[in-house]
Amino acid sequence: MEKHIGETMKNSFIEVLKGTREVATGIVDMVSAATVKALKDAQDVQAAAGSFVADAMSIMIKAAGEIGTDITTVTKNAMVGVIKGAHEVGSVTTDVIRHTVQGAVKGTAEIGGDIASVAKSALVGAIKGTRDIAVSSEDAASEAARSLIRAVSEVGSDIGIAAQNAVKGAIGGVAEASGRMAAVIKDTSKGLILGASEAGEDAATVAKKTIVGTIEAAKEIGVSAEEAASAAAKGAVEAAEIIGGETGSAIHKAVTGTISGIKIIVKEPFKKEK
């Protein structure tokens, strides 16, 4: 991103955060407009989208940190704004989601912010942002989760806690967007575990933390913890089959038995879901 564009965005963003209007709406509108302008001016929209959204998210997180604004609110609504703006100019791809999540993690790490909380907000934003576009909630959650874990690994933060919070965000996001709960849980779980494996991290630990987060989130929103845990375990098993070898076996073992008081059974959960 060119320096003057970054400075303009930062200043506009700070004005929104300091303004009297409803902050969440202000963030979405401002980020969407800035994304539209930047991408319309680009010769290659798809190529520009990746670098722009990553830089934009990092700038906004750091700007929020400078003035003491809650970065979780910023992350969630900026994610929605980026996706909305990219959709207005062209098609939103999983690349856009990936780069946006990576920018959020990078910016948070640079200001010493709470990456676990940002992980949760990023998943909520990814799902809410894609609610009315061609990218499904499942694809958005899976790509956001996979990218998130890789980014968290790169900045040296705790991937287990990030995974636990990320799946909570996915469940909260799909609940708000009235999406397909089981499919989103399964694909988020799968994405988190594959991302951990790709980053050379302990995928089995991520698998177990994902189940724990799923159970906690299910209880918070009042859905069946058993069914939610089953969906997460199914995603873990699918990831284990792709990864294979000793790691795959360790993932299988990690999601077997009783976790957080819930007996884990891998089956087709939420059968009434359409």
C-alpha atoms as a PDB file:
ATOM      1  CA  MET A   1       0.000   0.000   0.000  1.00  0.00           C
ATOM      2  CA  GLU A   2       1.356   3.438  -0.920  1.00  0.00           C
ATOM      3  CA  LYS A   3       2.367   5.552   2.066  1.00  0.00           C
ATOM      4  CA  HIS A   4      -0.056   8.407   1.386  1.00  0.00           C
ATOM      5  CA  ILE A   5      -2.978   6.001   1.047  1.00  0.00           C
ATOM      6  CA  GLY A   6      -2.024   4.392   4.340  1.00  0.00           C
ATOM      7  CA  GLU A   7      -1.772   7.747   6.112  1.00  0.00           C
ATOM      8  CA  THR A   8      -5.102   8.908   4.691  1.00  0.00           C
ATOM      9  CA  MET A   9      -6.787   5.693   5.801  1.00  0.00           C
ATOM     10  CA  LYS A  10      -5.246   5.900   9.255  1.00  0.00           C
ATOM     11  CA  ASN A  11      -6.375   9.497   9.757  1.00  0.00           C
ATOM     12  CA  SER A  12      -9.879   8.781   8.487  1.00  0.00           C
ATOM     13  CA  PHE A  13     -10.100   5.736  10.691  1.00  0.00           C
ATOM     14  CA  ILE A  14      -9.057   7.639  13.795  1.00  0.00           C
ATOM     15  CA  GLU A  15     -11.702  10.258  13.011  1.00  0.00           C
ATOM     16  CA  VAL A  16     -14.323   7.509  12.933  1.00  0.00           C
ATOM     17  CA  LEU A  17     -13.134   6.060  16.229  1.00  0.00           C
ATOM     18  CA  LYS A  18     -13.159   9.458  17.892  1.00  0.00           C
ATOM     19  CA  GLY A  19     -16.450  10.532  16.343  1.00  0.00           C
ATOM     20  CA  THR A  20     -19.899  10.560  17.861  1.00  0.00           C
ATOM     21  CA  ARG A  21     -21.569   8.228  15.353  1.00  0.00           C
ATOM     22  CA  GLU A  22     -22.141   4.539  16.058  1.00  0.00           C
ATOM     23  CA  VAL A  23     -18.604   3.154  15.943  1.00  0.00           C
ATOM     24  CA  ALA A  24     -19.342  -0.281  14.435  1.00  0.00           C
ATOM     25  CA  THR A  25     -21.312   1.188  11.530  1.00  0.00           C
ATOM     26  CA  GLY A  26     -18.711   3.895  11.060  1.00  0.00           C
ATOM     27  CA  ILE A  27     -15.906   1.360  10.801  1.00  0.00           C
ATOM     28  CA  VAL A  28     -17.755  -0.794   8.274  1.00  0.00           C
ATOM     29  CA  ASP A  29     -18.683   2.193   6.107  1.00  0.00           C
ATOM     30  CA  MET A  30     -15.262   3.843   6.206  1.00  0.00           C
ATOM     31  CA  VAL A  31     -13.320   0.643   5.516  1.00  0.00           C
ATOM     32  CA  SER A  32     -15.695  -0.378   2.745  1.00  0.00           C
ATOM     33  CA  ALA A  33     -15.369   3.000   1.024  1.00  0.00           C
ATOM     34  CA  ALA A  34     -11.568   2.992   1.339  1.00  0.00           C
ATOM     35  CA  THR A  35     -11.397  -0.533  -0.080  1.00  0.00           C
ATOM     36  CA  VAL A  36     -13.606   0.381  -3.027  1.00  0.00           C
ATOM     37  CA  LYS A  37     -11.505   3.446  -3.840  1.00  0.00           C
ATOM     38  CA  ALA A  38      -8.185   1.629  -3.591  1.00  0.00           C
ATOM     39  CA  LEU A  39      -9.277  -1.312  -5.700  1.00  0.00           C
ATOM     40  CA  LYS A  40     -11.011   0.799  -8.360  1.00  0.00           C
ATOM     41  CA  ASP A  41      -7.760   2.700  -8.830  1.00  0.00           C
ATOM     42  CA  ALA A  42      -5.754  -0.510  -9.220  1.00  0.00           C
ATOM     43  CA  GLN A  43      -4.917  -1.916 -12.644  1.00  0.00           C
ATOM     44  CA  ASP A  44      -5.041  -5.503 -11.404  1.00  0.00           C
ATOM     45  CA  VAL A  45      -7.827  -5.714  -8.826  1.00  0.00           C
ATOM     46  CA  GLN A  46      -7.145  -9.284  -7.698  1.00  0.00           C
ATOM     47  CA  ALA A  47      -3.426  -8.667  -7.263  1.00  0.00           C
ATOM     48  CA  ALA A  48      -4.006  -5.388  -5.439  1.00  0.00           C
ATOM     49  CA  ALA A  49      -6.667  -6.790  -3.137  1.00  0.00           C
ATOM     50  CA  GLY A  50      -4.337  -9.077  -1.227  1.00  0.00           C
ATOM     51  CA  SER A  51      -1.676  -6.524  -0.348  1.00  0.00           C
ATOM     52  CA  PHE A  52      -4.195  -3.750   0.264  1.00  0.00           C
ATOM     53  CA  VAL A  53      -6.428  -5.601   2.707  1.00  0.00           C
ATOM     54  CA  ALA A  54      -3.488  -6.992   4.683  1.00  0.00           C
ATOM     55  CA  ASP A  55      -1.908  -3.554   5.048  1.00  0.00           C
ATOM     56  CA  ALA A  56      -5.261  -1.904   5.740  1.00  0.00           C
ATOM     57  CA  MET A  57      -6.107  -4.269   8.590  1.00  0.00           C
ATOM     58  CA  SER A  58      -2.682  -3.830  10.138  1.00  0.00           C
ATOM     59  CA  ILE A  59      -2.960  -0.033   9.925  1.00  0.00           C
ATOM     60  CA  MET A  60      -6.408  -0.003  11.514  1.00  0.00           C
ATOM     61  CA  ILE A  61      -5.433  -2.299  14.374  1.00  0.00           C
ATOM     62  CA  LYS A  62      -2.409  -0.134  15.147  1.00  0.00           C
ATOM     63  CA  ALA A  63      -4.465   3.063  14.907  1.00  0.00           C
ATOM     64  CA  ALA A  64      -6.993   1.629  17.358  1.00  0.00           C
ATOM     65  CA  GLY A  65      -4.151   0.746  19.695  1.00  0.00           C
ATOM     66  CA  GLU A  66      -2.785   4.281  19.560  1.00  0.00           C
ATOM     67  CA  ILE A  67      -5.990   5.815  20.844  1.00  0.00           C
ATOM     68  CA  GLY A  68      -7.038   2.989  23.145  1.00  0.00           C
ATOM     69  CA  THR A  69     -10.018   1.682  21.186  1.00  0.00           C
ATOM     70  CA  ASP A  70     -11.133  -1.923  21.637  1.00  0.00           C
ATOM     71  CA  ILE A  71      -9.316  -3.810  18.881  1.00  0.00           C
ATOM     72  CA  THR A  72     -11.803  -6.679  18.895  1.00  0.00           C
ATOM     73  CA  THR A  73     -14.564  -4.298  17.779  1.00  0.00           C
ATOM     74  CA  VAL A  74     -12.230  -2.894  15.159  1.00  0.00           C
ATOM     75  CA  THR A  75     -11.219  -6.332  13.887  1.00  0.00           C
ATOM     76  CA  LYS A  76     -14.753  -7.656  13.499  1.00  0.00           C
ATOM     77  CA  ASN A  77     -16.178  -4.608  11.757  1.00  0.00           C
ATOM     78  CA  ALA A  78     -13.115  -3.886   9.639  1.00  0.00           C
ATOM     79  CA  MET A  79     -13.299  -7.476   8.357  1.00  0.00           C
ATOM     80  CA  VAL A  80     -16.904  -6.876   7.338  1.00  0.00           C
ATOM     81  CA  GLY A  81     -15.962  -3.572   5.699  1.00  0.00           C
ATOM     82  CA  VAL A  82     -13.094  -5.057   3.691  1.00  0.00           C
ATOM     83  CA  ILE A  83     -15.248  -7.899   2.393  1.00  0.00           C
ATOM     84  CA  LYS A  84     -18.119  -5.550   1.596  1.00  0.00           C
ATOM     85  CA  GLY A  85     -15.823  -3.189  -0.318  1.00  0.00           C
ATOM     86  CA  ALA A  86     -14.061  -5.954  -2.214  1.00  0.00           C
ATOM     87  CA  HIS A  87     -17.433  -7.418  -3.185  1.00  0.00           C
ATOM     88  CA  GLU A  88     -18.577  -4.065  -4.566  1.00  0.00           C
ATOM     89  CA  VAL A  89     -15.576  -3.852  -6.879  1.00  0.00           C
ATOM     90  CA  GLY A  90     -15.387  -7.493  -7.936  1.00  0.00           C
ATOM     91  CA  SER A  91     -15.585 -10.979  -6.522  1.00  0.00           C
ATOM     92  CA  VAL A  92     -14.508 -11.799  -2.997  1.00  0.00           C
ATOM     93  CA  THR A  93     -12.118 -14.742  -2.981  1.00  0.00           C
ATOM     94  CA  THR A  94     -10.718 -16.727  -0.098  1.00  0.00           C
ATOM     95  CA  ASP A  95      -7.454 -14.867  -0.816  1.00  0.00           C
ATOM     96  CA  VAL A  96      -9.096 -11.666   0.398  1.00  0.00           C
ATOM     97  CA  ILE A  97     -10.189 -13.379   3.605  1.00  0.00           C
ATOM     98  CA  ARG A  98      -6.743 -14.899   4.116  1.00  0.00           C
ATOM     99  CA  HIS A  99      -4.847 -11.639   3.713  1.00  0.00           C
ATOM    100  CA  THR A 100      -7.290  -9.714   5.875  1.00  0.00           C
ATOM    101  CA  VAL A 101      -6.916 -12.160   8.747  1.00  0.00           C
ATOM    102  CA  GLN A 102      -3.141 -12.141   8.414  1.00  0.00           C
ATOM    103  CA  GLY A 103      -3.113  -8.329   8.541  1.00  0.00           C
ATOM    104  CA  ALA A 104      -5.205  -8.357  11.708  1.00  0.00           C
ATOM    105  CA  VAL A 105      -2.862 -10.778  13.465  1.00  0.00           C
ATOM    106  CA  LYS A 106       0.253  -8.923  12.329  1.00  0.00           C
ATOM    107  CA  GLY A 107      -1.086  -5.556  13.461  1.00  0.00           C
ATOM    108  CA  THR A 108      -2.155  -6.951  16.817  1.00  0.00           C
ATOM    109  CA  ALA A 109       1.235  -8.554  17.406  1.00  0.00           C
ATOM    110  CA  GLU A 110       3.020  -5.291  16.588  1.00  0.00           C
ATOM    111  CA  ILE A 111       1.138  -3.395  19.295  1.00  0.00           C
ATOM    112  CA  GLY A 112       1.307  -6.228  21.810  1.00  0.00           C
ATOM    113  CA  GLY A 113      -2.458  -6.755  21.694  1.00  0.00           C
ATOM    114  CA  ASP A 114      -4.523  -9.766  22.687  1.00  0.00           C
ATOM    115  CA  ILE A 115      -4.200 -12.087  19.697  1.00  0.00           C
ATOM    116  CA  ALA A 116      -6.581 -14.685  21.125  1.00  0.00           C
ATOM    117  CA  SER A 117      -9.384 -12.122  21.328  1.00  0.00           C
ATOM    118  CA  VAL A 118      -8.623 -10.859  17.842  1.00  0.00           C
ATOM    119  CA  ALA A 119      -8.759 -14.460  16.590  1.00  0.00           C
ATOM    120  CA  LYS A 120     -12.328 -14.714  17.830  1.00  0.00           C
ATOM    121  CA  SER A 121     -13.354 -11.386  16.312  1.00  0.00           C
ATOM    122  CA  ALA A 122     -11.723 -12.167  12.964  1.00  0.00           C
ATOM    123  CA  LEU A 123     -13.818 -15.318  12.564  1.00  0.00           C
ATOM    124  CA  VAL A 124     -17.002 -13.454  13.478  1.00  0.00           C
ATOM    125  CA  GLY A 125     -16.182 -10.745  10.923  1.00  0.00           C
ATOM    126  CA  ALA A 126     -15.334 -13.222   8.174  1.00  0.00           C
ATOM    127  CA  ILE A 127     -18.649 -15.017   8.551  1.00  0.00           C
ATOM    128  CA  LYS A 128     -20.763 -11.883   8.915  1.00  0.00           C
ATOM    129  CA  GLY A 129     -19.008 -10.240   5.979  1.00  0.00           C
ATOM    130  CA  THR A 130     -19.715 -13.109   3.615  1.00  0.00           C
ATOM    131  CA  ARG A 131     -23.342 -13.539   4.640  1.00  0.00           C
ATOM    132  CA  ASP A 132     -24.795 -11.999   1.474  1.00  0.00           C
ATOM    133  CA  ILE A 133     -22.129 -12.870  -1.103  1.00  0.00           C
ATOM    134  CA  ALA A 134     -21.080 -15.925  -3.091  1.00  0.00           C
ATOM    135  CA  VAL A 135     -18.499 -17.150  -0.571  1.00  0.00           C
ATOM    136  CA  SER A 136     -20.218 -19.505   1.863  1.00  0.00           C
ATOM    137  CA  SER A 137     -19.944 -19.213   5.641  1.00  0.00           C
ATOM    138  CA  GLU A 138     -18.219 -22.585   5.671  1.00  0.00           C
ATOM    139  CA  ASP A 139     -15.564 -21.528   3.152  1.00  0.00           C
ATOM    140  CA  ALA A 140     -15.049 -18.200   4.896  1.00  0.00           C
ATOM    141  CA  ALA A 141     -14.651 -19.861   8.284  1.00  0.00           C
ATOM    142  CA  SER A 142     -12.326 -22.545   6.965  1.00  0.00           C
ATOM    143  CA  GLU A 143     -10.019 -20.119   5.147  1.00  0.00           C
ATOM    144  CA  ALA A 144     -10.028 -17.613   8.002  1.00  0.00           C
ATOM    145  CA  ALA A 145      -9.215 -20.357  10.515  1.00  0.00           C
ATOM    146  CA  ARG A 146      -6.443 -21.860   8.428  1.00  0.00           C
ATOM    147  CA  SER A 147      -4.841 -18.473   7.755  1.00  0.00           C
ATOM    148  CA  LEU A 148      -5.253 -17.374  11.337  1.00  0.00           C
ATOM    149  CA  ILE A 149      -3.296 -20.266  12.791  1.00  0.00           C
ATOM    150  CA  ARG A 150      -0.472 -19.818  10.295  1.00  0.00           C
ATOM    151  CA  ALA A 151      -0.297 -16.105  11.106  1.00  0.00           C
ATOM    152  CA  VAL A 152      -0.406 -16.726  14.860  1.00  0.00           C
ATOM    153  CA  SER A 153       2.432 -19.222  14.480  1.00  0.00           C
ATOM    154  CA  GLU A 154       4.488 -16.666  12.535  1.00  0.00           C
ATOM    155  CA  VAL A 155       4.215 -14.057  15.293  1.00  0.00           C
ATOM    156  CA  GLY A 156       5.020 -16.634  17.981  1.00  0.00           C
ATOM    157  CA  SER A 157       1.769 -16.473  19.920  1.00  0.00           C
ATOM    158  CA  ASP A 158      -0.079 -19.372  21.579  1.00  0.00           C
ATOM    159  CA  ILE A 159      -1.828 -21.264  18.779  1.00  0.00           C
ATOM    160  CA  GLY A 160      -3.830 -23.446  21.149  1.00  0.00           C
ATOM    161  CA  ILE A 161      -5.532 -20.505  22.818  1.00  0.00           C
ATOM    162  CA  ALA A 162      -5.982 -18.813  19.439  1.00  0.00           C
ATOM    163  CA  ALA A 163      -7.703 -21.936  18.079  1.00  0.00           C
ATOM    164  CA  GLN A 164      -9.947 -22.184  21.124  1.00  0.00           C
ATOM    165  CA  ASN A 165     -11.057 -18.581  20.651  1.00  0.00           C
ATOM    166  CA  ALA A 166     -11.297 -18.804  16.869  1.00  0.00           C
ATOM    167  CA  VAL A 167     -13.872 -21.585  16.965  1.00  0.00           C
ATOM    168  CA  LYS A 168     -15.861 -19.565  19.501  1.00  0.00           C
ATOM    169  CA  GLY A 169     -15.857 -16.710  17.005  1.00  0.00           C
ATOM    170  CA  ALA A 170     -16.996 -18.989  14.206  1.00  0.00           C
ATOM    171  CA  ILE A 171     -19.891 -20.291  16.284  1.00  0.00           C
ATOM    172  CA  GLY A 172     -20.872 -16.793  17.378  1.00  0.00           C
ATOM    173  CA  GLY A 173     -20.646 -15.502  13.835  1.00  0.00           C
ATOM    174  CA  VAL A 174     -22.772 -18.232  12.318  1.00  0.00           C
ATOM    175  CA  ALA A 175     -25.327 -17.857  15.103  1.00  0.00           C
ATOM    176  CA  GLU A 176     -25.659 -14.138  14.281  1.00  0.00           C
ATOM    177  CA  ALA A 177     -25.821 -14.821  10.556  1.00  0.00           C
ATOM    178  CA  SER A 178     -28.284 -17.729  10.884  1.00  0.00           C
ATOM    179  CA  GLY A 179     -25.996 -20.007   8.937  1.00  0.00           C
ATOM    180  CA  ARG A 180     -25.382 -23.754   8.899  1.00  0.00           C
ATOM    181  CA  MET A 181     -23.956 -24.333  12.363  1.00  0.00           C
ATOM    182  CA  ALA A 182     -22.608 -27.865  11.996  1.00  0.00           C
ATOM    183  CA  ALA A 183     -20.911 -27.233   8.657  1.00  0.00           C
ATOM    184  CA  VAL A 184     -19.218 -24.066   9.905  1.00  0.00           C
ATOM    185  CA  ILE A 185     -17.997 -25.763  13.081  1.00  0.00           C
ATOM    186  CA  LYS A 186     -16.658 -28.725  11.109  1.00  0.00           C
ATOM    187  CA  ASP A 187     -14.872 -26.600   8.511  1.00  0.00           C
ATOM    188  CA  THR A 188     -13.447 -24.221  11.110  1.00  0.00           C
ATOM    189  CA  SER A 189     -12.059 -27.155  13.069  1.00  0.00           C
ATOM    190  CA  LYS A 190     -10.593 -28.670   9.920  1.00  0.00           C
ATOM    191  CA  GLY A 191      -9.055 -25.334   8.876  1.00  0.00           C
ATOM    192  CA  LEU A 192      -7.472 -24.710  12.279  1.00  0.00           C
ATOM    193  CA  ILE A 193      -5.868 -28.151  12.363  1.00  0.00           C
ATOM    194  CA  LEU A 194      -4.624 -28.061   8.774  1.00  0.00           C
ATOM    195  CA  GLY A 195      -3.214 -24.580   9.384  1.00  0.00           C
ATOM    196  CA  ALA A 196      -1.372 -25.811  12.475  1.00  0.00           C
ATOM    197  CA  SER A 197       0.098 -28.733  10.552  1.00  0.00           C
ATOM    198  CA  GLU A 198       1.182 -26.476   7.689  1.00  0.00           C
ATOM    199  CA  ALA A 199       2.885 -24.151  10.161  1.00  0.00           C
ATOM    200  CA  GLY A 200       4.771 -27.044  11.768  1.00  0.00           C
ATOM    201  CA  GLU A 201       2.876 -26.655  15.025  1.00  0.00           C
ATOM    202  CA  ASP A 202       1.307 -29.256  17.323  1.00  0.00           C
ATOM    203  CA  ALA A 203      -1.854 -30.058  15.398  1.00  0.00           C
ATOM    204  CA  ALA A 204      -3.096 -32.519  18.029  1.00  0.00           C
ATOM    205  CA  THR A 205      -3.061 -29.817  20.702  1.00  0.00           C
ATOM    206  CA  VAL A 206      -4.919 -27.484  18.371  1.00  0.00           C
ATOM    207  CA  ALA A 207      -7.479 -30.235  17.743  1.00  0.00           C
ATOM    208  CA  LYS A 208      -8.174 -30.683  21.439  1.00  0.00           C
ATOM    209  CA  LYS A 209      -8.291 -26.927  22.114  1.00  0.00           C
ATOM    210  CA  THR A 210     -10.732 -26.570  19.233  1.00  0.00           C
ATOM    211  CA  ILE A 211     -13.066 -29.113  20.828  1.00  0.00           C
ATOM    212  CA  VAL A 212     -12.794 -27.315  24.177  1.00  0.00           C
ATOM    213  CA  GLY A 213     -13.624 -23.970  22.575  1.00  0.00           C
ATOM    214  CA  THR A 214     -16.527 -25.503  20.689  1.00  0.00           C
ATOM    215  CA  ILE A 215     -18.054 -26.934  23.850  1.00  0.00           C
ATOM    216  CA  GLU A 216     -17.663 -23.647  25.728  1.00  0.00           C
ATOM    217  CA  ALA A 217     -19.221 -21.629  22.905  1.00  0.00           C
ATOM    218  CA  ALA A 218     -22.105 -24.073  22.473  1.00  0.00           C
ATOM    219  CA  LYS A 219     -22.971 -23.787  26.143  1.00  0.00           C
ATOM    220  CA  GLU A 220     -22.797 -19.988  25.969  1.00  0.00           C
ATOM    221  CA  ILE A 221     -25.305 -19.712  23.124  1.00  0.00           C
ATOM    222  CA  GLY A 222     -27.544 -22.545  24.245  1.00  0.00           C
ATOM    223  CA  VAL A 223     -27.039 -25.209  21.574  1.00  0.00           C
ATOM    224  CA  SER A 224     -26.175 -28.847  22.197  1.00  0.00           C
ATOM    225  CA  ALA A 225     -22.566 -29.116  23.342  1.00  0.00           C
ATOM    226  CA  GLU A 226     -22.566 -32.786  22.348  1.00  0.00           C
ATOM    227  CA  GLU A 227     -23.691 -32.029  18.794  1.00  0.00           C
ATOM    228  CA  ALA A 228     -21.296 -29.101  18.423  1.00  0.00           C
ATOM    229  CA  ALA A 229     -18.378 -31.158  19.726  1.00  0.00           C
ATOM    230  CA  SER A 230     -19.309 -33.920  17.274  1.00  0.00           C
ATOM    231  CA  ALA A 231     -19.118 -31.444  14.389  1.00  0.00           C
ATOM    232  CA  ALA A 232     -15.720 -30.192  15.536  1.00  0.00           C
ATOM    233  CA  ALA A 233     -14.455 -33.745  15.949  1.00  0.00           C
ATOM    234  CA  LYS A 234     -15.642 -34.624  12.444  1.00  0.00           C
ATOM    235  CA  GLY A 235     -13.600 -31.718  11.076  1.00  0.00           C
ATOM    236  CA  ALA A 236     -10.608 -32.875  13.103  1.00  0.00           C
ATOM    237  CA  VAL A 237     -10.901 -36.395  11.737  1.00  0.00           C
ATOM    238  CA  GLU A 238     -11.115 -35.090   8.164  1.00  0.00           C
ATOM    239  CA  ALA A 239      -7.974 -33.041   8.774  1.00  0.00           C
ATOM    240  CA  ALA A 240      -6.239 -36.052  10.323  1.00  0.00           C
ATOM    241  CA  GLU A 241      -6.999 -38.141   7.257  1.00  0.00           C
ATOM    242  CA  ILE A 242      -5.475 -35.481   5.007  1.00  0.00           C
ATOM    243  CA  ILE A 243      -2.376 -35.078   7.178  1.00  0.00           C
ATOM    244  CA  GLY A 244      -1.869 -38.788   7.825  1.00  0.00           C
ATOM    245  CA  GLY A 245       1.088 -40.434   9.526  1.00  0.00           C
ATOM    246  CA  GLU A 246       1.896 -40.035  13.198  1.00  0.00           C
ATOM    247  CA  THR A 247       0.396 -36.562  13.299  1.00  0.00           C
ATOM    248  CA  GLY A 248      -2.874 -37.824  11.906  1.00  0.00           C
ATOM    249  CA  SER A 249      -2.965 -40.576  14.522  1.00  0.00           C
ATOM    250  CA  ALA A 250      -2.202 -38.088  17.286  1.00  0.00           C
ATOM    251  CA  ILE A 251      -5.095 -35.879  16.124  1.00  0.00           C
ATOM    252  CA  HIS A 252      -7.462 -38.867  16.169  1.00  0.00           C
ATOM    253  CA  LYS A 253      -6.347 -39.688  19.709  1.00  0.00           C
ATOM    254  CA  ALA A 254      -6.690 -36.065  20.850  1.00  0.00           C
ATOM    255  CA  VAL A 255     -10.367 -35.898  19.907  1.00  0.00           C
ATOM    256  CA  THR A 256     -11.304 -39.305  21.305  1.00  0.00           C
ATOM    257  CA  GLY A 257     -12.900 -39.927  24.673  1.00  0.00           C
ATOM    258  CA  THR A 258     -14.264 -37.287  27.034  1.00  0.00           C
ATOM    259  CA  ILE A 259     -13.300 -33.625  26.765  1.00  0.00           C
ATOM    260  CA  SER A 260     -14.593 -30.947  29.138  1.00  0.00           C
ATOM    261  CA  GLY A 261     -17.134 -33.429  30.466  1.00  0.00           C
ATOM    262  CA  ILE A 262     -18.528 -34.257  27.007  1.00  0.00           C
ATOM    263  CA  LYS A 263     -18.124 -37.695  25.434  1.00  0.00           C
ATOM    264  CA  ILE A 264     -16.923 -37.090  21.892  1.00  0.00           C
ATOM    265  CA  ILE A 265     -18.749 -39.057  19.223  1.00  0.00           C
ATOM    266  CA  VAL A 266     -17.875 -38.481  15.584  1.00  0.00           C
ATOM    267  CA  LYS A 267     -21.141 -38.592  13.645  1.00  0.00           C
ATOM    268  CA  GLU A 268     -23.361 -36.397  11.520  1.00  0.00           C
ATOM    269  CA  PRO A 269     -24.461 -33.708  14.025  1.00  0.00           C
ATOM    270  CA  PHE A 270     -27.521 -31.432  13.990  1.00  0.00           C
ATOM    271  CA  LYS A 271     -29.362 -33.821  11.651  1.00  0.00           C
ATOM    272  CA  LYS A 272     -32.391 -31.574  11.312  1.00  0.00           C
ATOM    273  CA  GLU A 273     -30.240 -28.835   9.815  1.00  0.00           C
ATOM    274  CA  LYS A 274     -30.946 -27.944   6.201  1.00  0.00           C
END
